[in-house]
C-alpha atoms as a PDB file:
ATOM      1  CA  UNK A   1      -2.776 -32.457 -10.617  1.00  0.00           C
ATOM      2  CA  UNK A   2      -3.112 -29.152  -8.962  1.00  0.00           C
ATOM      3  CA  UNK A   3      -1.731 -26.153 -10.417  1.00  0.00           C
ATOM      4  CA  UNK A   4      -0.995 -23.023  -8.811  1.00  0.00           C
ATOM      5  CA  UNK A   5      -3.373 -20.096 -10.384  1.00  0.00           C
ATOM      6  CA  UNK A   6      -0.876 -17.472  -8.894  1.00  0.00           C
ATOM      7  CA  UNK A   7      -3.940 -16.081  -7.420  1.00  0.00           C
ATOM      8  CA  UNK A   8      -2.928 -14.692  -3.913  1.00  0.00           C
ATOM      9  CA  UNK A   9      -5.216 -12.981  -1.047  1.00  0.00           C
ATOM     10  CA  UNK A  10      -3.634 -10.087   0.322  1.00  0.00           C
ATOM     11  CA  UNK A  11      -4.580  -9.188   3.790  1.00  0.00           C
ATOM     12  CA  UNK A  12      -4.022  -5.592   4.931  1.00  0.00           C
ATOM     13  CA  UNK A  13      -1.080  -6.555   7.277  1.00  0.00           C
ATOM     14  CA  UNK A  14       0.574  -8.066   4.428  1.00  0.00           C
ATOM     15  CA  UNK A  15       0.940  -5.449   2.199  1.00  0.00           C
ATOM     16  CA  UNK A  16       4.147  -4.053   3.538  1.00  0.00           C
ATOM     17  CA  UNK A  17       5.724  -7.514   2.362  1.00  0.00           C
ATOM     18  CA  UNK A  18       4.332  -7.575  -1.161  1.00  0.00           C
ATOM     19  CA  UNK A  19       6.916  -7.618  -3.507  1.00  0.00           C
ATOM     20  CA  UNK A  20       7.911  -4.552  -5.488  1.00  0.00           C
ATOM     21  CA  UNK A  21       9.019  -5.790  -8.866  1.00  0.00           C
ATOM     22  CA  UNK A  22       6.766  -7.190 -11.663  1.00  0.00           C
ATOM     23  CA  UNK A  23       3.116  -6.871 -12.906  1.00  0.00           C
ATOM     24  CA  UNK A  24       0.460  -7.183 -10.503  1.00  0.00           C
ATOM     25  CA  UNK A  25      -3.265  -7.279 -11.025  1.00  0.00           C
ATOM     26  CA  UNK A  26      -5.714  -6.505  -8.288  1.00  0.00           C
ATOM     27  CA  UNK A  27      -9.054  -7.836  -9.107  1.00  0.00           C
ATOM     28  CA  UNK A  28     -12.147  -8.060  -6.768  1.00  0.00           C
ATOM     29  CA  UNK A  29     -15.769  -7.799  -6.881  1.00  0.00           C
ATOM     30  CA  UNK A  30     -17.528  -4.369  -5.475  1.00  0.00           C
ATOM     31  CA  UNK A  31     -16.978  -3.727  -1.549  1.00  0.00           C
ATOM     32  CA  UNK A  32     -14.189  -6.098  -1.410  1.00  0.00           C
ATOM     33  CA  UNK A  33     -11.330  -3.450  -0.414  1.00  0.00           C
ATOM     34  CA  UNK A  34      -9.651  -2.910  -3.500  1.00  0.00           C
ATOM     35  CA  UNK A  35      -9.406   0.892  -3.136  1.00  0.00           C
ATOM     36  CA  UNK A  36      -8.066   0.427   0.448  1.00  0.00           C
ATOM     37  CA  UNK A  37      -5.549  -1.956  -0.886  1.00  0.00           C
ATOM     38  CA  UNK A  38      -4.242  -0.183  -3.896  1.00  0.00           C
ATOM     39  CA  UNK A  39      -3.694   2.832  -1.751  1.00  0.00           C
ATOM     40  CA  UNK A  40      -1.594   0.925   0.896  1.00  0.00           C
ATOM     41  CA  UNK A  41       0.150  -0.829  -1.976  1.00  0.00           C
ATOM     42  CA  UNK A  42       1.085   2.537  -3.428  1.00  0.00           C
ATOM     43  CA  UNK A  43       2.087   3.831   0.188  1.00  0.00           C
ATOM     44  CA  UNK A  44       4.260   0.680   0.496  1.00  0.00           C
ATOM     45  CA  UNK A  45       6.191   1.199  -3.049  1.00  0.00           C
ATOM     46  CA  UNK A  46       6.966   4.938  -1.952  1.00  0.00           C
ATOM     47  CA  UNK A  47       8.141   3.833   1.411  1.00  0.00           C
ATOM     48  CA  UNK A  48      10.716   1.382  -0.163  1.00  0.00           C
ATOM     49  CA  UNK A  49      11.941   3.843  -2.760  1.00  0.00           C
ATOM     50  CA  UNK A  50       9.709   3.738  -5.544  1.00  0.00           C
ATOM     51  CA  UNK A  51       9.498   6.646  -7.779  1.00  0.00           C
ATOM     52  CA  UNK A  52       5.786   7.698  -7.668  1.00  0.00           C
ATOM     53  CA  UNK A  53       5.967   8.850 -11.319  1.00  0.00           C
ATOM     54  CA  UNK A  54       6.522   5.180 -12.176  1.00  0.00           C
ATOM     55  CA  UNK A  55       3.627   3.797 -10.655  1.00  0.00           C
ATOM     56  CA  UNK A  56       0.675   2.979 -12.808  1.00  0.00           C
ATOM     57  CA  UNK A  57      -2.806   2.833 -11.202  1.00  0.00           C
ATOM     58  CA  UNK A  58      -5.527   2.169 -13.798  1.00  0.00           C
ATOM     59  CA  UNK A  59      -9.120   2.217 -12.941  1.00  0.00           C
ATOM     60  CA  UNK A  60     -12.235   2.071 -15.008  1.00  0.00           C
ATOM     61  CA  UNK A  61     -14.159   5.466 -14.717  1.00  0.00           C
ATOM     62  CA  UNK A  62     -12.947   9.224 -14.038  1.00  0.00           C
ATOM     63  CA  UNK A  63     -14.874   9.058 -10.440  1.00  0.00           C
ATOM     64  CA  UNK A  64     -12.826   6.006  -9.837  1.00  0.00           C
ATOM     65  CA  UNK A  65      -9.770   7.688 -10.363  1.00  0.00           C
ATOM     66  CA  UNK A  66     -10.735  10.764  -8.416  1.00  0.00           C
ATOM     67  CA  UNK A  67     -11.637   8.653  -5.414  1.00  0.00           C
ATOM     68  CA  UNK A  68      -8.617   6.624  -5.503  1.00  0.00           C
ATOM     69  CA  UNK A  69      -6.315   9.555  -6.183  1.00  0.00           C
ATOM     70  CA  UNK A  70      -7.638  11.021  -2.939  1.00  0.00           C
ATOM     71  CA  UNK A  71      -7.259   7.678  -0.764  1.00  0.00           C
ATOM     72  CA  UNK A  72      -3.603   7.519  -2.346  1.00  0.00           C
ATOM     73  CA  UNK A  73      -2.758  10.969  -0.953  1.00  0.00           C
ATOM     74  CA  UNK A  74      -4.623   9.831   2.536  1.00  0.00           C
ATOM     75  CA  UNK A  75      -2.941   6.845   2.575  1.00  0.00           C
ATOM     76  CA  UNK A  76       0.732   8.229   2.190  1.00  0.00           C
ATOM     77  CA  UNK A  77      -0.211  10.963   4.890  1.00  0.00           C
ATOM     78  CA  UNK A  78      -1.115   8.488   7.343  1.00  0.00           C
ATOM     79  CA  UNK A  79       1.954   6.828   6.569  1.00  0.00           C
ATOM     80  CA  UNK A  80       4.069   9.640   7.138  1.00  0.00           C
ATOM     81  CA  UNK A  81       2.596  10.065  10.363  1.00  0.00           C
ATOM     82  CA  UNK A  82       2.706   6.933  11.402  1.00  0.00           C
ATOM     83  CA  UNK A  83       6.334   6.966  10.694  1.00  0.00           C
ATOM     84  CA  UNK A  84       7.445  10.233  12.289  1.00  0.00           C
ATOM     85  CA  UNK A  85       4.903  10.014  15.455  1.00  0.00           C
ATOM     86  CA  UNK A  86       4.497   6.107  15.801  1.00  0.00           C
ATOM     87  CA  UNK A  87       0.528   6.679  15.461  1.00  0.00           C
ATOM     88  CA  UNK A  88      -1.561   3.320  14.151  1.00  0.00           C
ATOM     89  CA  UNK A  89      -4.989   3.922  15.615  1.00  0.00           C
ATOM     90  CA  UNK A  90      -5.558   0.304  15.064  1.00  0.00           C
ATOM     91  CA  UNK A  91      -4.689   0.104  11.225  1.00  0.00           C
ATOM     92  CA  UNK A  92      -3.138  -3.311  10.400  1.00  0.00           C
ATOM     93  CA  UNK A  93      -1.148  -1.807   7.633  1.00  0.00           C
ATOM     94  CA  UNK A  94       0.252   0.706   9.872  1.00  0.00           C
ATOM     95  CA  UNK A  95       1.096  -1.497  12.347  1.00  0.00           C
ATOM     96  CA  UNK A  96       3.083  -3.910   9.926  1.00  0.00           C
ATOM     97  CA  UNK A  97       4.798  -0.634   8.957  1.00  0.00           C
ATOM     98  CA  UNK A  98       6.091   0.372  12.275  1.00  0.00           C
ATOM     99  CA  UNK A  99       7.182  -3.062  12.872  1.00  0.00           C
ATOM    100  CA  UNK A 100       8.894  -3.074   9.308  1.00  0.00           C
ATOM    101  CA  UNK A 101      10.590   0.199  10.111  1.00  0.00           C
ATOM    102  CA  UNK A 102      11.475  -0.364  13.622  1.00  0.00           C
ATOM    103  CA  UNK A 103      14.676   1.565  14.083  1.00  0.00           C
ATOM    104  CA  UNK A 104      14.916   5.333  13.946  1.00  0.00           C
ATOM    105  CA  UNK A 105      17.228   5.429  11.201  1.00  0.00           C
ATOM    106  CA  UNK A 106      14.705   2.977   9.092  1.00  0.00           C
ATOM    107  CA  UNK A 107      11.778   5.063   9.408  1.00  0.00           C
ATOM    108  CA  UNK A 108      13.894   8.535   8.765  1.00  0.00           C
ATOM    109  CA  UNK A 109      15.148   6.734   5.507  1.00  0.00           C
ATOM    110  CA  UNK A 110      11.455   5.722   4.498  1.00  0.00           C
ATOM    111  CA  UNK A 111      10.244   9.373   5.165  1.00  0.00           C
ATOM    112  CA  UNK A 112      12.739  10.850   2.752  1.00  0.00           C
END
């Protein structure tokens, strides 16, 4: 009998469809894109109206925390530019964001 472990693979273009509720754990080996994924998820949550002060991201070291902080900031700026200028530069996450927020009023609401 097969049981569902609850583990899911998360491709970059699937991040905008990731559920906003509940508790989620990202666990992976070094060099697998965790920082990219976490920064993109954070941007996704903010675009959907989540209060950034209520998003908890935990890392194991101060250095990792600083890197993640910088990457999140960069990702938020990229998402903002994407929605304002429809600029994606071959990024699967940003391409999906533009598809998800296709109408001008949707993009404006996400920016606010």
